[in-house]
PDB file of N, CA and C in Angstrom:
ATOM      1  N   UNK A   1     157.404-112.667 128.984  1.00  0.00           N
ATOM      2  CA  UNK A   1     158.130-113.679 129.758  1.00  0.00           C
ATOM      3  C   UNK A   1     158.142-114.972 128.948  1.00  0.00           C
ATOM      4  N   UNK A   2     159.323-115.514 128.722  1.00  0.00           N
ATOM      5  CA  UNK A   2     159.382-116.759 127.968  1.00  0.00           C
ATOM      6  C   UNK A   2     159.087-117.943 128.891  1.00  0.00           C
ATOM      7  N   UNK A   3     158.964-119.103 128.293  1.00  0.00           N
ATOM      8  CA  UNK A   3     158.548-120.301 129.026  1.00  0.00           C
ATOM      9  C   UNK A   3     159.538-120.668 130.136  1.00  0.00           C
ATOM     10  N   UNK A   4     160.821-120.470 129.903  1.00  0.00           N
ATOM     11  CA  UNK A   4     161.818-120.802 130.931  1.00  0.00           C
ATOM     12  C   UNK A   4     161.661-119.879 132.129  1.00  0.00           C
ATOM     13  N   UNK A   5     161.528-118.588 131.867  1.00  0.00           N
ATOM     14  CA  UNK A   5     161.350-117.643 132.973  1.00  0.00           C
ATOM     15  C   UNK A   5     160.072-117.946 133.753  1.00  0.00           C
ATOM     16  N   UNK A   6     159.008-118.273 133.034  1.00  0.00           N
ATOM     17  CA  UNK A   6     157.734-118.572 133.687  1.00  0.00           C
ATOM     18  C   UNK A   6     157.841-119.849 134.530  1.00  0.00           C
ATOM     19  N   UNK A   7     158.479-120.875 133.983  1.00  0.00           N
ATOM     20  CA  UNK A   7     158.643-122.132 134.717  1.00  0.00           C
ATOM     21  C   UNK A   7     159.507-121.927 135.959  1.00  0.00           C
ATOM     22  N   UNK A   8     160.569-121.153 135.814  1.00  0.00           N
ATOM     23  CA  UNK A   8     161.452-120.878 136.959  1.00  0.00           C
ATOM     24  C   UNK A   8     160.708-120.072 138.014  1.00  0.00           C
ATOM     25  N   UNK A   9     159.897-119.126 137.600  1.00  0.00           N
ATOM     26  CA  UNK A   9     159.104-118.342 138.557  1.00  0.00           C
ATOM     27  C   UNK A   9     158.129-119.240 139.311  1.00  0.00           C
ATOM     28  N   UNK A  10     157.506-120.170 138.600  1.00  0.00           N
ATOM     29  CA  UNK A  10     156.596-121.110 139.266  1.00  0.00           C
ATOM     30  C   UNK A  10     157.364-122.011 140.240  1.00  0.00           C
ATOM     31  N   UNK A  11     158.551-122.461 139.833  1.00  0.00           N
ATOM     32  CA  UNK A  11     159.384-123.287 140.720  1.00  0.00           C
ATOM     33  C   UNK A  11     159.770-122.496 141.966  1.00  0.00           C
ATOM     34  N   UNK A  12     160.101-121.215 141.787  1.00  0.00           N
ATOM     35  CA  UNK A  12     160.406-120.365 142.941  1.00  0.00           C
ATOM     36  C   UNK A  12     159.198-120.262 143.863  1.00  0.00           C
ATOM     37  N   UNK A  13     158.017-120.155 143.273  1.00  0.00           N
ATOM     38  CA  UNK A  13     156.786-120.097 144.069  1.00  0.00           C
ATOM     39  C   UNK A  13     156.564-121.377 144.856  1.00  0.00           C
ATOM     40  N   UNK A  14     156.794-122.513 144.210  1.00  0.00           N
ATOM     41  CA  UNK A  14     156.666-123.799 144.907  1.00  0.00           C
ATOM     42  C   UNK A  14     157.672-123.874 146.049  1.00  0.00           C
ATOM     43  N   UNK A  15     158.898-123.437 145.781  1.00  0.00           N
ATOM     44  CA  UNK A  15     159.933-123.438 146.830  1.00  0.00           C
ATOM     45  C   UNK A  15     159.517-122.574 148.008  1.00  0.00           C
ATOM     46  N   UNK A  16     158.940-121.416 147.726  1.00  0.00           N
ATOM     47  CA  UNK A  16     158.483-120.534 148.801  1.00  0.00           C
ATOM     48  C   UNK A  16     157.360-121.184 149.599  1.00  0.00           C
ATOM     49  N   UNK A  17     156.427-121.828 148.908  1.00  0.00           N
ATOM     50  CA  UNK A  17     155.331-122.512 149.598  1.00  0.00           C
ATOM     51  C   UNK A  17     155.881-123.595 150.516  1.00  0.00           C
ATOM     52  N   UNK A  18     156.820-124.391 150.008  1.00  0.00           N
ATOM     53  CA  UNK A  18     157.407-125.459 150.825  1.00  0.00           C
ATOM     54  C   UNK A  18     158.151-124.858 152.009  1.00  0.00           C
ATOM     55  N   UNK A  19     158.946-123.826 151.763  1.00  0.00           N
ATOM     56  CA  UNK A  19     159.734-123.234 152.839  1.00  0.00           C
ATOM     57  C   UNK A  19     158.853-122.610 153.927  1.00  0.00           C
ATOM     58  N   UNK A  20     157.661-122.188 153.583  1.00  0.00           N
ATOM     59  CA  UNK A  20     156.745-121.596 154.555  1.00  0.00           C
ATOM     60  C   UNK A  20     155.756-122.607 155.132  1.00  0.00           C
ATOM     61  N   UNK A  21     155.941-123.884 154.806  1.00  0.00           N
ATOM     62  CA  UNK A  21     155.022-124.919 155.280  1.00  0.00           C
ATOM     63  C   UNK A  21     155.414-125.415 156.672  1.00  0.00           C
ATOM     64  N   UNK A  22     154.444-126.006 157.346  1.00  0.00           N
ATOM     65  CA  UNK A  22     154.722-126.638 158.641  1.00  0.00           C
ATOM     66  C   UNK A  22     155.734-127.767 158.492  1.00  0.00           C
ATOM     67  N   UNK A  23     155.672-128.463 157.365  1.00  0.00           N
ATOM     68  CA  UNK A  23     156.615-129.573 157.140  1.00  0.00           C
ATOM     69  C   UNK A  23     158.049-129.053 157.166  1.00  0.00           C
ATOM     70  N   UNK A  24     158.307-127.971 156.442  1.00  0.00           N
ATOM     71  CA  UNK A  24     159.665-127.416 156.426  1.00  0.00           C
ATOM     72  C   UNK A  24     160.029-126.835 157.790  1.00  0.00           C
ATOM     73  N   UNK A  25     159.115-126.108 158.403  1.00  0.00           N
ATOM     74  CA  UNK A  25     159.418-125.504 159.710  1.00  0.00           C
ATOM     75  C   UNK A  25     159.743-126.577 160.748  1.00  0.00           C
ATOM     76  N   UNK A  26     158.977-127.683 160.740  1.00  0.00           N
ATOM     77  CA  UNK A  26     159.263-128.775 161.677  1.00  0.00           C
ATOM     78  C   UNK A  26     160.635-129.382 161.405  1.00  0.00           C
ATOM     79  N   UNK A  27     160.957-129.560 160.119  1.00  0.00           N
ATOM     80  CA  UNK A  27     162.268-130.089 159.738  1.00  0.00           C
ATOM     81  C   UNK A  27     163.376-129.145 160.207  1.00  0.00           C
ATOM     82  N   UNK A  28     163.207-127.865 159.934  1.00  0.00           N
ATOM     83  CA  UNK A  28     164.240-126.885 160.286  1.00  0.00           C
ATOM     84  C   UNK A  28     164.423-126.808 161.808  1.00  0.00           C
ATOM     85  N   UNK A  29     163.333-126.842 162.538  1.00  0.00           N
ATOM     86  CA  UNK A  29     163.411-126.826 164.008  1.00  0.00           C
ATOM     87  C   UNK A  29     164.171-128.055 164.519  1.00  0.00           C
ATOM     88  N   UNK A  30     163.881-129.208 163.936  1.00  0.00           N
ATOM     89  CA  UNK A  30     164.564-130.445 164.338  1.00  0.00           C
ATOM     90  C   UNK A  30     166.046-130.373 163.997  1.00  0.00           C
ATOM     91  N   UNK A  31     166.357-129.814 162.828  1.00  0.00           N
ATOM     92  CA  UNK A  31     167.761-129.670 162.433  1.00  0.00           C
ATOM     93  C   UNK A  31     168.506-128.746 163.391  1.00  0.00           C
ATOM     94  N   UNK A  32     167.868-127.651 163.774  1.00  0.00           N
ATOM     95  CA  UNK A  32     168.522-126.699 164.682  1.00  0.00           C
ATOM     96  C   UNK A  32     168.876-127.343 166.026  1.00  0.00           C
ATOM     97  N   UNK A  33     168.097-128.338 166.429  1.00  0.00           N
ATOM     98  CA  UNK A  33     168.379-129.011 167.697  1.00  0.00           C
ATOM     99  C   UNK A  33     169.658-129.847 167.644  1.00  0.00           C
ATOM    100  N   UNK A  34     170.026-130.303 166.463  1.00  0.00           N
ATOM    101  CA  UNK A  34     171.219-131.157 166.372  1.00  0.00           C
ATOM    102  C   UNK A  34     172.404-130.469 165.716  1.00  0.00           C
ATOM    103  N   UNK A  35     172.187-129.343 165.016  1.00  0.00           N
ATOM    104  CA  UNK A  35     173.243-128.768 164.176  1.00  0.00           C
ATOM    105  C   UNK A  35     174.485-128.331 164.932  1.00  0.00           C
ATOM    106  N   UNK A  36     174.364-127.962 166.193  1.00  0.00           N
ATOM    107  CA  UNK A  36     175.536-127.505 166.942  1.00  0.00           C
ATOM    108  C   UNK A  36     176.398-128.652 167.463  1.00  0.00           C
ATOM    109  N   UNK A  37     175.884-129.865 167.356  1.00  0.00           N
ATOM    110  CA  UNK A  37     176.660-131.036 167.728  1.00  0.00           C
ATOM    111  C   UNK A  37     177.385-131.513 166.469  1.00  0.00           C
ATOM    112  N   UNK A  38     178.528-130.902 166.208  1.00  0.00           N
ATOM    113  CA  UNK A  38     179.271-131.148 164.974  1.00  0.00           C
ATOM    114  C   UNK A  38     179.580-132.627 164.775  1.00  0.00           C
ATOM    115  N   UNK A  39     179.982-133.290 165.826  1.00  0.00           N
ATOM    116  CA  UNK A  39     180.321-134.712 165.728  1.00  0.00           C
ATOM    117  C   UNK A  39     179.098-135.531 165.308  1.00  0.00           C
ATOM    118  N   UNK A  40     177.949-135.229 165.895  1.00  0.00           N
ATOM    119  CA  UNK A  40     176.717-135.945 165.557  1.00  0.00           C
ATOM    120  C   UNK A  40     176.315-135.676 164.111  1.00  0.00           C
ATOM    121  N   UNK A  41     176.347-134.427 163.684  1.00  0.00           N
ATOM    122  CA  UNK A  41     175.962-134.083 162.317  1.00  0.00           C
ATOM    123  C   UNK A  41     176.898-134.751 161.309  1.00  0.00           C
ATOM    124  N   UNK A  42     178.191-134.749 161.594  1.00  0.00           N
ATOM    125  CA  UNK A  42     179.145-135.427 160.697  1.00  0.00           C
ATOM    126  C   UNK A  42     178.854-136.920 160.630  1.00  0.00           C
ATOM    127  N   UNK A  43     178.543-137.507 161.782  1.00  0.00           N
ATOM    128  CA  UNK A  43     178.234-138.939 161.827  1.00  0.00           C
ATOM    129  C   UNK A  43     176.971-139.242 161.020  1.00  0.00           C
ATOM    130  N   UNK A  44     175.948-138.403 161.172  1.00  0.00           N
ATOM    131  CA  UNK A  44     174.703-138.619 160.428  1.00  0.00           C
ATOM    132  C   UNK A  44     174.920-138.438 158.932  1.00  0.00           C
ATOM    133  N   UNK A  45     175.683-137.428 158.543  1.00  0.00           N
ATOM    134  CA  UNK A  45     175.967-137.218 157.119  1.00  0.00           C
ATOM    135  C   UNK A  45     176.745-138.390 156.538  1.00  0.00           C
ATOM    136  N   UNK A  46     177.702-138.898 157.294  1.00  0.00           N
ATOM    137  CA  UNK A  46     178.475-140.062 156.842  1.00  0.00           C
ATOM    138  C   UNK A  46     177.563-141.277 156.702  1.00  0.00           C
ATOM    139  N   UNK A  47     176.681-141.452 157.661  1.00  0.00           N
ATOM    140  CA  UNK A  47     175.763-142.587 157.636  1.00  0.00           C
ATOM    141  C   UNK A  47     174.799-142.487 156.450  1.00  0.00           C
ATOM    142  N   UNK A  48     174.295-141.292 156.194  1.00  0.00           N
ATOM    143  CA  UNK A  48     173.406-141.097 155.040  1.00  0.00           C
ATOM    144  C   UNK A  48     174.149-141.407 153.743  1.00  0.00           C
ATOM    145  N   UNK A  49     175.390-140.944 153.645  1.00  0.00           N
ATOM    146  CA  UNK A  49     176.190-141.201 152.446  1.00  0.00           C
ATOM    147  C   UNK A  49     176.411-142.699 152.265  1.00  0.00           C
ATOM    148  N   UNK A  50     176.767-143.385 153.349  1.00  0.00           N
ATOM    149  CA  UNK A  50     176.972-144.840 153.267  1.00  0.00           C
ATOM    150  C   UNK A  50     175.685-145.538 152.846  1.00  0.00           C
ATOM    151  N   UNK A  51     174.564-145.076 153.365  1.00  0.00           N
ATOM    152  CA  UNK A  51     173.277-145.679 153.026  1.00  0.00           C
ATOM    153  C   UNK A  51     172.963-145.480 151.538  1.00  0.00           C
ATOM    154  N   UNK A  52     173.184-144.272 151.022  1.00  0.00           N
ATOM    155  CA  UNK A  52     172.933-144.007 149.604  1.00  0.00           C
ATOM    156  C   UNK A  52     173.873-144.802 148.706  1.00  0.00           C
ATOM    157  N   UNK A  53     175.129-144.890 149.110  1.00  0.00           N
ATOM    158  CA  UNK A  53     176.087-145.676 148.330  1.00  0.00           C
ATOM    159  C   UNK A  53     175.687-147.145 148.306  1.00  0.00           C
ATOM    160  N   UNK A  54     175.223-147.649 149.454  1.00  0.00           N
ATOM    161  CA  UNK A  54     174.814-149.051 149.498  1.00  0.00           C
ATOM    162  C   UNK A  54     173.538-149.265 148.677  1.00  0.00           C
ATOM    163  N   UNK A  55     172.614-148.297 148.715  1.00  0.00           N
ATOM    164  CA  UNK A  55     171.397-148.410 147.899  1.00  0.00           C
ATOM    165  C   UNK A  55     171.762-148.474 146.422  1.00  0.00           C
ATOM    166  N   UNK A  56     172.744-147.677 146.002  1.00  0.00           N
ATOM    167  CA  UNK A  56     173.214-147.715 144.619  1.00  0.00           C
ATOM    168  C   UNK A  56     173.841-149.072 144.311  1.00  0.00           C
ATOM    169  N   UNK A  57     174.633-149.565 145.237  1.00  0.00           N
ATOM    170  CA  UNK A  57     175.280-150.879 145.116  1.00  0.00           C
ATOM    171  C   UNK A  57     174.215-151.964 144.917  1.00  0.00           C
ATOM    172  N   UNK A  58     173.157-151.916 145.751  1.00  0.00           N
ATOM    173  CA  UNK A  58     172.088-152.920 145.663  1.00  0.00           C
ATOM    174  C   UNK A  58     171.285-152.773 144.386  1.00  0.00           C
ATOM    175  N   UNK A  59     171.137-151.525 143.905  1.00  0.00           N
ATOM    176  CA  UNK A  59     170.361-151.320 142.674  1.00  0.00           C
ATOM    177  C   UNK A  59     171.033-151.974 141.473  1.00  0.00           C
ATOM    178  N   UNK A  60     172.322-152.273 141.620  1.00  0.00           N
ATOM    179  CA  UNK A  60     173.072-152.941 140.549  1.00  0.00           C
ATOM    180  C   UNK A  60     173.047-154.458 140.727  1.00  0.00           C
ATOM    181  N   UNK A  61     172.196-154.917 141.660  1.00  0.00           N
ATOM    182  CA  UNK A  61     172.025-156.350 141.859  1.00  0.00           C
ATOM    183  C   UNK A  61     173.060-156.987 142.766  1.00  0.00           C
ATOM    184  N   UNK A  62     173.825-156.174 143.470  1.00  0.00           N
ATOM    185  CA  UNK A  62     174.848-156.724 144.364  1.00  0.00           C
ATOM    186  C   UNK A  62     174.367-156.625 145.810  1.00  0.00           C
ATOM    187  N   UNK A  63     174.837-157.520 146.629  1.00  0.00           N
ATOM    188  CA  UNK A  63     174.460-157.516 148.038  1.00  0.00           C
ATOM    189  C   UNK A  63     175.702-157.729 148.894  1.00  0.00           C
ATOM    190  N   UNK A  64     175.690-157.109 150.038  1.00  0.00           N
ATOM    191  CA  UNK A  64     176.741-157.281 151.037  1.00  0.00           C
ATOM    192  C   UNK A  64     176.046-157.214 152.387  1.00  0.00           C
ATOM    193  N   UNK A  65     175.671-158.382 152.893  1.00  0.00           N
ATOM    194  CA  UNK A  65     174.865-158.427 154.110  1.00  0.00           C
ATOM    195  C   UNK A  65     175.603-157.866 155.322  1.00  0.00           C
ATOM    196  N   UNK A  66     176.912-158.011 155.358  1.00  0.00           N
ATOM    197  CA  UNK A  66     177.668-157.433 156.479  1.00  0.00           C
ATOM    198  C   UNK A  66     177.595-155.909 156.449  1.00  0.00           C
ATOM    199  N   UNK A  67     177.747-155.346 155.264  1.00  0.00           N
ATOM    200  CA  UNK A  67     177.656-153.890 155.123  1.00  0.00           C
ATOM    201  C   UNK A  67     176.233-153.404 155.459  1.00  0.00           C
ATOM    202  N   UNK A  68     175.245-154.128 154.975  1.00  0.00           N
ATOM    203  CA  UNK A  68     173.848-153.775 155.249  1.00  0.00           C
ATOM    204  C   UNK A  68     173.556-153.845 156.751  1.00  0.00           C
ATOM    205  N   UNK A  69     174.060-154.866 157.397  1.00  0.00           N
ATOM    206  CA  UNK A  69     173.873-155.021 158.842  1.00  0.00           C
ATOM    207  C   UNK A  69     174.548-153.872 159.593  1.00  0.00           C
ATOM    208  N   UNK A  70     175.751-153.520 159.186  1.00  0.00           N
ATOM    209  CA  UNK A  70     176.480-152.428 159.819  1.00  0.00           C
ATOM    210  C   UNK A  70     175.696-151.120 159.716  1.00  0.00           C
ATOM    211  N   UNK A  71     175.222-150.801 158.512  1.00  0.00           N
ATOM    212  CA  UNK A  71     174.472-149.560 158.302  1.00  0.00           C
ATOM    213  C   UNK A  71     173.197-149.575 159.139  1.00  0.00           C
ATOM    214  N   UNK A  72     172.519-150.675 159.141  1.00  0.00           N
ATOM    215  CA  UNK A  72     171.290-150.799 159.931  1.00  0.00           C
ATOM    216  C   UNK A  72     171.564-150.599 161.422  1.00  0.00           C
ATOM    217  N   UNK A  73     172.625-151.189 161.918  1.00  0.00           N
ATOM    218  CA  UNK A  73     172.973-151.042 163.332  1.00  0.00           C
ATOM    219  C   UNK A  73     173.345-149.596 163.667  1.00  0.00           C
ATOM    220  N   UNK A  74     174.049-148.939 162.763  1.00  0.00           N
ATOM    221  CA  UNK A  74     174.430-147.544 163.004  1.00  0.00           C
ATOM    222  C   UNK A  74     173.203-146.624 163.004  1.00  0.00           C
ATOM    223  N   UNK A  75     172.255-146.897 162.112  1.00  0.00           N
ATOM    224  CA  UNK A  75     171.005-146.125 162.131  1.00  0.00           C
ATOM    225  C   UNK A  75     170.260-146.364 163.440  1.00  0.00           C
ATOM    226  N   UNK A  76     170.212-147.606 163.870  1.00  0.00           N
ATOM    227  CA  UNK A  76     169.534-147.930 165.131  1.00  0.00           C
ATOM    228  C   UNK A  76     170.165-147.162 166.294  1.00  0.00           C
ATOM    229  N   UNK A  77     171.490-147.172 166.351  1.00  0.00           N
ATOM    230  CA  UNK A  77     172.182-146.444 167.431  1.00  0.00           C
ATOM    231  C   UNK A  77     171.885-144.948 167.374  1.00  0.00           C
ATOM    232  N   UNK A  78     171.896-144.397 166.172  1.00  0.00           N
ATOM    233  CA  UNK A  78     171.622-142.966 166.020  1.00  0.00           C
ATOM    234  C   UNK A  78     170.198-142.631 166.449  1.00  0.00           C
ATOM    235  N   UNK A  79     169.267-143.514 166.135  1.00  0.00           N
ATOM    236  CA  UNK A  79     167.863-143.272 166.436  1.00  0.00           C
ATOM    237  C   UNK A  79     167.542-143.399 167.926  1.00  0.00           C
ATOM    238  N   UNK A  80     168.480-143.860 168.715  1.00  0.00           N
ATOM    239  CA  UNK A  80     168.270-143.879 170.165  1.00  0.00           C
ATOM    240  C   UNK A  80     168.214-142.459 170.725  1.00  0.00           C
ATOM    241  N   UNK A  81     168.783-141.517 169.991  1.00  0.00           N
ATOM    242  CA  UNK A  81     168.754-140.105 170.372  1.00  0.00           C
ATOM    243  C   UNK A  81     167.417-139.512 169.897  1.00  0.00           C
ATOM    244  N   UNK A  82     166.616-139.014 170.830  1.00  0.00           N
ATOM    245  CA  UNK A  82     165.287-138.471 170.509  1.00  0.00           C
ATOM    246  C   UNK A  82     165.351-137.362 169.470  1.00  0.00           C
ATOM    247  N   UNK A  83     166.320-136.459 169.597  1.00  0.00           N
ATOM    248  CA  UNK A  83     166.443-135.357 168.635  1.00  0.00           C
ATOM    249  C   UNK A  83     166.741-135.870 167.233  1.00  0.00           C
ATOM    250  N   UNK A  84     167.547-136.904 167.137  1.00  0.00           N
ATOM    251  CA  UNK A  84     167.865-137.504 165.834  1.00  0.00           C
ATOM    252  C   UNK A  84     166.623-138.172 165.259  1.00  0.00           C
ATOM    253  N   UNK A  85     165.873-138.875 166.101  1.00  0.00           N
ATOM    254  CA  UNK A  85     164.645-139.526 165.644  1.00  0.00           C
ATOM    255  C   UNK A  85     163.670-138.497 165.068  1.00  0.00           C
ATOM    256  N   UNK A  86     163.484-137.382 165.766  1.00  0.00           N
ATOM    257  CA  UNK A  86     162.578-136.327 165.303  1.00  0.00           C
ATOM    258  C   UNK A  86     163.116-135.711 164.004  1.00  0.00           C
ATOM    259  N   UNK A  87     164.421-135.492 163.953  1.00  0.00           N
ATOM    260  CA  UNK A  87     165.035-134.937 162.752  1.00  0.00           C
ATOM    261  C   UNK A  87     164.786-135.842 161.542  1.00  0.00           C
ATOM    262  N   UNK A  88     165.062-137.135 161.678  1.00  0.00           N
ATOM    263  CA  UNK A  88     164.867-138.060 160.561  1.00  0.00           C
ATOM    264  C   UNK A  88     163.394-138.152 160.160  1.00  0.00           C
ATOM    265  N   UNK A  89     162.501-138.142 161.123  1.00  0.00           N
ATOM    266  CA  UNK A  89     161.077-138.203 160.832  1.00  0.00           C
ATOM    267  C   UNK A  89     160.660-136.987 159.993  1.00  0.00           C
ATOM    268  N   UNK A  90     161.128-135.816 160.401  1.00  0.00           N
ATOM    269  CA  UNK A  90     160.779-134.597 159.678  1.00  0.00           C
ATOM    270  C   UNK A  90     161.491-134.494 158.341  1.00  0.00           C
ATOM    271  N   UNK A  91     162.712-134.965 158.273  1.00  0.00           N
ATOM    272  CA  UNK A  91     163.427-134.982 157.003  1.00  0.00           C
ATOM    273  C   UNK A  91     162.683-135.874 156.007  1.00  0.00           C
ATOM    274  N   UNK A  92     162.191-136.997 156.476  1.00  0.00           N
ATOM    275  CA  UNK A  92     161.441-137.920 155.624  1.00  0.00           C
ATOM    276  C   UNK A  92     160.187-137.248 155.064  1.00  0.00           C
ATOM    277  N   UNK A  93     159.475-136.513 155.911  1.00  0.00           N
ATOM    278  CA  UNK A  93     158.271-135.804 155.445  1.00  0.00           C
ATOM    279  C   UNK A  93     158.625-134.773 154.379  1.00  0.00           C
ATOM    280  N   UNK A  94     159.710-134.035 154.586  1.00  0.00           N
ATOM    281  CA  UNK A  94     160.130-133.018 153.626  1.00  0.00           C
ATOM    282  C   UNK A  94     160.547-133.652 152.301  1.00  0.00           C
ATOM    283  N   UNK A  95     161.327-134.710 152.366  1.00  0.00           N
ATOM    284  CA  UNK A  95     161.766-135.397 151.145  1.00  0.00           C
ATOM    285  C   UNK A  95     160.560-135.957 150.391  1.00  0.00           C
ATOM    286  N   UNK A  96     159.595-136.517 151.122  1.00  0.00           N
ATOM    287  CA  UNK A  96     158.399-137.048 150.463  1.00  0.00           C
ATOM    288  C   UNK A  96     157.592-135.950 149.789  1.00  0.00           C
ATOM    289  N   UNK A  97     157.509-134.781 150.407  1.00  0.00           N
ATOM    290  CA  UNK A  97     156.812-133.649 149.799  1.00  0.00           C
ATOM    291  C   UNK A  97     157.489-133.235 148.501  1.00  0.00           C
ATOM    292  N   UNK A  98     158.800-133.100 148.540  1.00  0.00           N
ATOM    293  CA  UNK A  98     159.546-132.692 147.346  1.00  0.00           C
ATOM    294  C   UNK A  98     159.422-133.760 146.248  1.00  0.00           C
ATOM    295  N   UNK A  99     159.485-135.023 146.633  1.00  0.00           N
ATOM    296  CA  UNK A  99     159.346-136.113 145.660  1.00  0.00           C
ATOM    297  C   UNK A  99     157.944-136.110 145.048  1.00  0.00           C
ATOM    298  N   UNK A 100     156.932-135.806 145.848  1.00  0.00           N
ATOM    299  CA  UNK A 100     155.562-135.757 145.333  1.00  0.00           C
ATOM    300  C   UNK A 100     155.415-134.636 144.301  1.00  0.00           C
ATOM    301  N   UNK A 101     156.005-133.485 144.566  1.00  0.00           N
ATOM    302  CA  UNK A 101     155.950-132.376 143.600  1.00  0.00           C
ATOM    303  C   UNK A 101     156.635-132.799 142.300  1.00  0.00           C
ATOM    304  N   UNK A 102     157.807-133.388 142.410  1.00  0.00           N
ATOM    305  CA  UNK A 102     158.527-133.847 141.222  1.00  0.00           C
ATOM    306  C   UNK A 102     157.699-134.885 140.452  1.00  0.00           C
ATOM    307  N   UNK A 103     157.107-135.818 141.184  1.00  0.00           N
ATOM    308  CA  UNK A 103     156.308-136.866 140.544  1.00  0.00           C
ATOM    309  C   UNK A 103     155.115-136.286 139.812  1.00  0.00           C
ATOM    310  N   UNK A 104     154.460-135.309 140.423  1.00  0.00           N
ATOM    311  CA  UNK A 104     153.300-134.685 139.774  1.00  0.00           C
ATOM    312  C   UNK A 104     153.696-134.031 138.455  1.00  0.00           C
ATOM    313  N   UNK A 105     154.808-133.324 138.452  1.00  0.00           N
ATOM    314  CA  UNK A 105     155.258-132.679 137.223  1.00  0.00           C
ATOM    315  C   UNK A 105     155.578-133.745 136.176  1.00  0.00           C
ATOM    316  N   UNK A 106     156.300-134.765 136.574  1.00  0.00           N
ATOM    317  CA  UNK A 106     156.693-135.827 135.639  1.00  0.00           C
ATOM    318  C   UNK A 106     155.477-136.571 135.093  1.00  0.00           C
ATOM    319  N   UNK A 107     154.552-136.912 135.971  1.00  0.00           N
ATOM    320  CA  UNK A 107     153.380-137.683 135.557  1.00  0.00           C
ATOM    321  C   UNK A 107     152.447-136.861 134.660  1.00  0.00           C
ATOM    322  N   UNK A 108     152.301-135.597 134.968  1.00  0.00           N
ATOM    323  CA  UNK A 108     151.393-134.754 134.183  1.00  0.00           C
ATOM    324  C   UNK A 108     151.824-134.714 132.716  1.00  0.00           C
ATOM    325  N   UNK A 109     153.092-134.733 132.469  1.00  0.00           N
ATOM    326  CA  UNK A 109     153.594-134.652 131.106  1.00  0.00           C
ATOM    327  C   UNK A 109     154.143-135.980 130.603  1.00  0.00           C
ATOM    328  N   UNK A 110     153.866-137.027 131.341  1.00  0.00           N
ATOM    329  CA  UNK A 110     154.317-138.356 130.955  1.00  0.00           C
ATOM    330  C   UNK A 110     155.826-138.432 130.748  1.00  0.00           C
ATOM    331  N   UNK A 111     156.525-137.674 131.591  1.00  0.00           N
ATOM    332  CA  UNK A 111     157.982-137.698 131.501  1.00  0.00           C
ATOM    333  C   UNK A 111     158.502-138.950 132.177  1.00  0.00           C
ATOM    334  N   UNK A 112     159.416-139.600 131.545  1.00  0.00           N
ATOM    335  CA  UNK A 112     159.993-140.810 132.096  1.00  0.00           C
ATOM    336  C   UNK A 112     161.470-140.565 132.323  1.00  0.00           C
ATOM    337  N   UNK A 113     161.754-139.514 133.112  1.00  0.00           N
ATOM    338  CA  UNK A 113     163.133-139.113 133.355  1.00  0.00           C
ATOM    339  C   UNK A 113     163.660-139.761 134.616  1.00  0.00           C
ATOM    340  N   UNK A 114     164.941-140.072 134.633  1.00  0.00           N
ATOM    341  CA  UNK A 114     165.635-140.610 135.797  1.00  0.00           C
ATOM    342  C   UNK A 114     164.993-141.886 136.325  1.00  0.00           C
ATOM    343  N   UNK A 115     164.360-142.649 135.458  1.00  0.00           N
ATOM    344  CA  UNK A 115     163.723-143.890 135.898  1.00  0.00           C
ATOM    345  C   UNK A 115     164.499-145.060 135.393  1.00  0.00           C
TER     346      UNK A 115
END
């Protein structure tokens, strides 16, 4: 087995561990509660996209307080829904887990990628 195959096999193992974790199961359960509400899911996806686009905008040193206020207000409105609040909470835990795995790999080898 060459190094690429071995690394990919280990990555598959990590993916399986994450997918079988309580963190993933809680996230998936929360997602299932909202997924059939197509309008809500589309709204949340649009809001996430707007938030990421604005984060990119701000990372370039630009600010638009009206846009930031709008996004913040839309998140607040969405979070009034208990199922959405639970979904976002669990999504955050899952994203943090995945980011921690990535960080460990990068730090172990002193990789300074995507920084």
